[in-house]
Amino acid sequence: MKKWIVIALLTLFSLPSIAGQFKTIKNSEVHYSAFNSAMLTPEVATQYKLKRNGYSAILNISVLDTSKLGKPAVDAKVTGSSKNLIGQTKQLSFKQVKEGEAIYYLAEFPITNEEQLTFNINIDAGNTGSGPISFTQKFYVEE
């Protein structure tokens, strides 16, 4: 649980302008954030086998069930891609991480300085809610 809290805090404080972004799909509240992997602590990067360098970023997705008390995390199938301004598309590979009752989906991807990416993500949380989310974000290399 401690490591999940570390990731959550890093996500919230690494890019304050996007903290708390979410989209509601039926009874699913889909939270998303993307940040440079250099923001991870070495311990968290090692624990989850994530690259930690200035040229990699991480997309973090979590899906909550708004129809239940406390909005518990739910299992979902998360797929998607990123596209840069010249139209190059990269498929994202998400891995599920469970920490206690928290569930989140992480995808790593390379970045270049001042690269703007548009993310197109598909969420399938079954009866809780399924559908797409899309957002655009600019990334900066950390040296």
C-alpha atoms as a PDB file:
ATOM      1  CA  MET A   1       0.000   0.000   0.000  1.00  0.00           C
ATOM      2  CA  LYS A   2       2.892   2.317   0.809  1.00  0.00           C
ATOM      3  CA  LYS A   3       4.244   2.097  -2.746  1.00  0.00           C
ATOM      4  CA  TRP A   4       0.815   2.878  -4.219  1.00  0.00           C
ATOM      5  CA  ILE A   5       0.610   5.989  -2.093  1.00  0.00           C
ATOM      6  CA  VAL A   6       4.055   7.028  -3.341  1.00  0.00           C
ATOM      7  CA  ILE A   7       2.944   6.625  -6.972  1.00  0.00           C
ATOM      8  CA  ALA A   8      -0.302   8.482  -6.301  1.00  0.00           C
ATOM      9  CA  LEU A   9       1.540  11.371  -4.662  1.00  0.00           C
ATOM     10  CA  LEU A  10       4.083  11.517  -7.464  1.00  0.00           C
ATOM     11  CA  THR A  11       1.287  11.587  -9.976  1.00  0.00           C
ATOM     12  CA  LEU A  12      -0.496  14.393  -8.163  1.00  0.00           C
ATOM     13  CA  PHE A  13       2.560  16.556  -7.614  1.00  0.00           C
ATOM     14  CA  SER A  14       4.584  15.854 -10.754  1.00  0.00           C
ATOM     15  CA  LEU A  15       2.134  17.621 -13.056  1.00  0.00           C
ATOM     16  CA  PRO A  16      -0.312  19.657 -10.970  1.00  0.00           C
ATOM     17  CA  SER A  17      -2.104  20.976 -14.044  1.00  0.00           C
ATOM     18  CA  ILE A  18      -3.455  17.511 -14.858  1.00  0.00           C
ATOM     19  CA  ALA A  19      -3.918  16.142 -11.370  1.00  0.00           C
ATOM     20  CA  GLY A  20      -7.417  14.883 -10.804  1.00  0.00           C
ATOM     21  CA  GLN A  21      -8.331  14.488 -14.475  1.00  0.00           C
ATOM     22  CA  PHE A  22     -11.077  11.963 -15.008  1.00  0.00           C
ATOM     23  CA  LYS A  23     -13.930  11.032 -17.273  1.00  0.00           C
ATOM     24  CA  THR A  24     -17.171   9.357 -16.294  1.00  0.00           C
ATOM     25  CA  ILE A  25     -18.331   6.456 -18.447  1.00  0.00           C
ATOM     26  CA  LYS A  26     -21.658   5.045 -17.185  1.00  0.00           C
ATOM     27  CA  ASN A  27     -20.798   4.006 -13.570  1.00  0.00           C
ATOM     28  CA  SER A  28     -17.032   4.151 -14.140  1.00  0.00           C
ATOM     29  CA  GLU A  29     -14.902   7.094 -13.085  1.00  0.00           C
ATOM     30  CA  VAL A  30     -11.717   6.790 -15.141  1.00  0.00           C
ATOM     31  CA  HIS A  31      -8.773   8.732 -13.697  1.00  0.00           C
ATOM     32  CA  TYR A  32      -5.720   9.324 -15.855  1.00  0.00           C
ATOM     33  CA  SER A  33      -2.368  11.032 -15.597  1.00  0.00           C
ATOM     34  CA  ALA A  34       0.896  10.942 -17.497  1.00  0.00           C
ATOM     35  CA  PHE A  35       4.288  11.984 -16.171  1.00  0.00           C
ATOM     36  CA  ASN A  36       8.016  11.682 -16.807  1.00  0.00           C
ATOM     37  CA  SER A  37       9.351   8.461 -15.290  1.00  0.00           C
ATOM     38  CA  ALA A  38      12.260  10.381 -13.736  1.00  0.00           C
ATOM     39  CA  MET A  39       9.694  11.466 -11.126  1.00  0.00           C
ATOM     40  CA  LEU A  40       9.534   7.908  -9.757  1.00  0.00           C
ATOM     41  CA  THR A  41      11.714   6.964  -6.842  1.00  0.00           C
ATOM     42  CA  PRO A  42      14.328   4.297  -7.643  1.00  0.00           C
ATOM     43  CA  GLU A  43      12.532   1.915  -5.253  1.00  0.00           C
ATOM     44  CA  VAL A  44       9.152   2.261  -6.987  1.00  0.00           C
ATOM     45  CA  ALA A  45      10.739   1.896 -10.439  1.00  0.00           C
ATOM     46  CA  THR A  46      12.505  -1.284  -9.325  1.00  0.00           C
ATOM     47  CA  GLN A  47       9.423  -2.726  -7.602  1.00  0.00           C
ATOM     48  CA  TYR A  48       7.260  -2.385 -10.737  1.00  0.00           C
ATOM     49  CA  LYS A  49      10.046  -2.957 -13.271  1.00  0.00           C
ATOM     50  CA  LEU A  50       9.604   0.499 -14.795  1.00  0.00           C
ATOM     51  CA  LYS A  51      12.227   2.492 -16.685  1.00  0.00           C
ATOM     52  CA  ARG A  52      13.316   5.526 -14.728  1.00  0.00           C
ATOM     53  CA  ASN A  53      14.933   8.080 -17.003  1.00  0.00           C
ATOM     54  CA  GLY A  54      14.267  11.476 -18.493  1.00  0.00           C
ATOM     55  CA  TYR A  55      13.305  10.078 -21.901  1.00  0.00           C
ATOM     56  CA  SER A  56      10.483   7.802 -20.710  1.00  0.00           C
ATOM     57  CA  ALA A  57       7.029   8.609 -19.425  1.00  0.00           C
ATOM     58  CA  ILE A  58       4.265   6.662 -17.724  1.00  0.00           C
ATOM     59  CA  LEU A  59       0.529   6.753 -18.242  1.00  0.00           C
ATOM     60  CA  ASN A  60      -1.430   5.810 -15.115  1.00  0.00           C
ATOM     61  CA  ILE A  61      -5.108   4.818 -15.413  1.00  0.00           C
ATOM     62  CA  SER A  62      -7.463   3.808 -12.617  1.00  0.00           C
ATOM     63  CA  VAL A  63     -11.134   2.871 -12.872  1.00  0.00           C
ATOM     64  CA  LEU A  64     -13.536   3.393  -9.965  1.00  0.00           C
ATOM     65  CA  ASP A  65     -17.133   2.167  -9.573  1.00  0.00           C
ATOM     66  CA  THR A  66     -19.287   5.194  -8.747  1.00  0.00           C
ATOM     67  CA  SER A  67     -22.381   3.053  -8.113  1.00  0.00           C
ATOM     68  CA  LYS A  68     -20.859   1.582  -4.947  1.00  0.00           C
ATOM     69  CA  LEU A  69     -20.144   3.216  -1.616  1.00  0.00           C
ATOM     70  CA  GLY A  70     -16.581   4.505  -1.428  1.00  0.00           C
ATOM     71  CA  LYS A  71     -16.067   4.187  -5.209  1.00  0.00           C
ATOM     72  CA  PRO A  72     -13.987   0.993  -5.116  1.00  0.00           C
ATOM     73  CA  ALA A  73     -11.444   0.230  -7.834  1.00  0.00           C
ATOM     74  CA  VAL A  74     -12.582  -2.233 -10.486  1.00  0.00           C
ATOM     75  CA  ASP A  75     -10.858  -4.569 -12.905  1.00  0.00           C
ATOM     76  CA  ALA A  76     -10.901  -3.331 -16.475  1.00  0.00           C
ATOM     77  CA  LYS A  77      -9.366  -4.066 -19.829  1.00  0.00           C
ATOM     78  CA  VAL A  78      -7.345  -1.004 -20.822  1.00  0.00           C
ATOM     79  CA  THR A  79      -5.923  -0.586 -24.329  1.00  0.00           C
ATOM     80  CA  GLY A  80      -4.823   2.400 -26.310  1.00  0.00           C
ATOM     81  CA  SER A  81      -2.326   4.351 -28.319  1.00  0.00           C
ATOM     82  CA  SER A  82      -0.487   7.647 -28.450  1.00  0.00           C
ATOM     83  CA  LYS A  83      -0.021   9.846 -31.509  1.00  0.00           C
ATOM     84  CA  ASN A  84       2.416  12.710 -31.983  1.00  0.00           C
ATOM     85  CA  LEU A  85       1.874  15.865 -34.052  1.00  0.00           C
ATOM     86  CA  ILE A  86       3.250  14.324 -37.256  1.00  0.00           C
ATOM     87  CA  GLY A  87       0.878  11.385 -36.983  1.00  0.00           C
ATOM     88  CA  GLN A  88       3.206   8.673 -35.692  1.00  0.00           C
ATOM     89  CA  THR A  89       1.140   6.260 -33.616  1.00  0.00           C
ATOM     90  CA  LYS A  90       2.443   3.919 -30.921  1.00  0.00           C
ATOM     91  CA  GLN A  91       0.397   1.184 -29.286  1.00  0.00           C
ATOM     92  CA  LEU A  92       0.522   1.290 -25.493  1.00  0.00           C
ATOM     93  CA  SER A  93       0.962  -1.859 -23.441  1.00  0.00           C
ATOM     94  CA  PHE A  94      -0.707  -1.632 -20.034  1.00  0.00           C
ATOM     95  CA  LYS A  95       0.146  -3.742 -17.035  1.00  0.00           C
ATOM     96  CA  GLN A  96      -2.202  -4.081 -14.110  1.00  0.00           C
ATOM     97  CA  VAL A  97      -0.879  -3.297 -10.638  1.00  0.00           C
ATOM     98  CA  LYS A  98      -2.813  -4.224  -7.505  1.00  0.00           C
ATOM     99  CA  GLU A  99      -1.880  -2.737  -4.141  1.00  0.00           C
ATOM    100  CA  GLY A 100      -4.387  -3.742  -1.492  1.00  0.00           C
ATOM    101  CA  GLU A 101      -7.756  -2.616  -2.799  1.00  0.00           C
ATOM    102  CA  ALA A 102      -6.252  -0.196  -5.328  1.00  0.00           C
ATOM    103  CA  ILE A 103      -5.995  -1.225  -8.973  1.00  0.00           C
ATOM    104  CA  TYR A 104      -4.215   0.793 -11.605  1.00  0.00           C
ATOM    105  CA  TYR A 105      -2.898   0.301 -15.113  1.00  0.00           C
ATOM    106  CA  LEU A 106       0.532   1.537 -16.154  1.00  0.00           C
ATOM    107  CA  ALA A 107       1.963   1.988 -19.642  1.00  0.00           C
ATOM    108  CA  GLU A 108       5.495   3.150 -20.406  1.00  0.00           C
ATOM    109  CA  PHE A 109       6.404   5.054 -23.558  1.00  0.00           C
ATOM    110  CA  PRO A 110       9.365   7.032 -24.913  1.00  0.00           C
ATOM    111  CA  ILE A 111       9.257  10.822 -25.171  1.00  0.00           C
ATOM    112  CA  THR A 112      11.272  13.599 -26.750  1.00  0.00           C
ATOM    113  CA  ASN A 113      11.574  17.147 -25.443  1.00  0.00           C
ATOM    114  CA  GLU A 114       8.472  19.300 -25.928  1.00  0.00           C
ATOM    115  CA  GLU A 115       6.657  16.400 -27.580  1.00  0.00           C
ATOM    116  CA  GLN A 116       2.895  16.725 -27.626  1.00  0.00           C
ATOM    117  CA  LEU A 117       1.030  13.416 -27.590  1.00  0.00           C
ATOM    118  CA  THR A 118      -2.639  12.649 -27.995  1.00  0.00           C
ATOM    119  CA  PHE A 119      -3.776   9.573 -26.108  1.00  0.00           C
ATOM    120  CA  ASN A 120      -6.719   7.478 -27.261  1.00  0.00           C
ATOM    121  CA  ILE A 121      -7.597   4.954 -24.571  1.00  0.00           C
ATOM    122  CA  ASN A 122     -10.353   2.337 -24.511  1.00  0.00           C
ATOM    123  CA  ILE A 123     -11.745   1.229 -21.168  1.00  0.00           C
ATOM    124  CA  ASP A 124     -13.787  -1.944 -20.751  1.00  0.00           C
ATOM    125  CA  ALA A 125     -15.000  -2.355 -17.179  1.00  0.00           C
ATOM    126  CA  GLY A 126     -17.895  -4.632 -18.153  1.00  0.00           C
ATOM    127  CA  ASN A 127     -21.272  -3.664 -16.707  1.00  0.00           C
ATOM    128  CA  THR A 128     -19.665  -0.806 -14.776  1.00  0.00           C
ATOM    129  CA  GLY A 129     -18.886   1.052 -17.979  1.00  0.00           C
ATOM    130  CA  SER A 130     -17.002   0.872 -21.248  1.00  0.00           C
ATOM    131  CA  GLY A 131     -15.897   3.522 -23.682  1.00  0.00           C
ATOM    132  CA  PRO A 132     -13.099   5.740 -24.936  1.00  0.00           C
ATOM    133  CA  ILE A 133     -11.191   8.588 -23.347  1.00  0.00           C
ATOM    134  CA  SER A 134      -8.881  10.964 -25.158  1.00  0.00           C
ATOM    135  CA  PHE A 135      -6.525  13.697 -23.997  1.00  0.00           C
ATOM    136  CA  THR A 136      -3.456  15.590 -25.163  1.00  0.00           C
ATOM    137  CA  GLN A 137      -0.362  16.396 -23.152  1.00  0.00           C
ATOM    138  CA  LYS A 138       3.038  17.975 -23.761  1.00  0.00           C
ATOM    139  CA  PHE A 139       6.132  16.282 -22.303  1.00  0.00           C
ATOM    140  CA  TYR A 140       9.533  17.586 -21.355  1.00  0.00           C
ATOM    141  CA  VAL A 141      12.731  15.585 -21.136  1.00  0.00           C
ATOM    142  CA  GLU A 142      14.386  15.502 -17.714  1.00  0.00           C
ATOM    143  CA  GLU A 143      18.179  15.431 -17.892  1.00  0.00           C
END
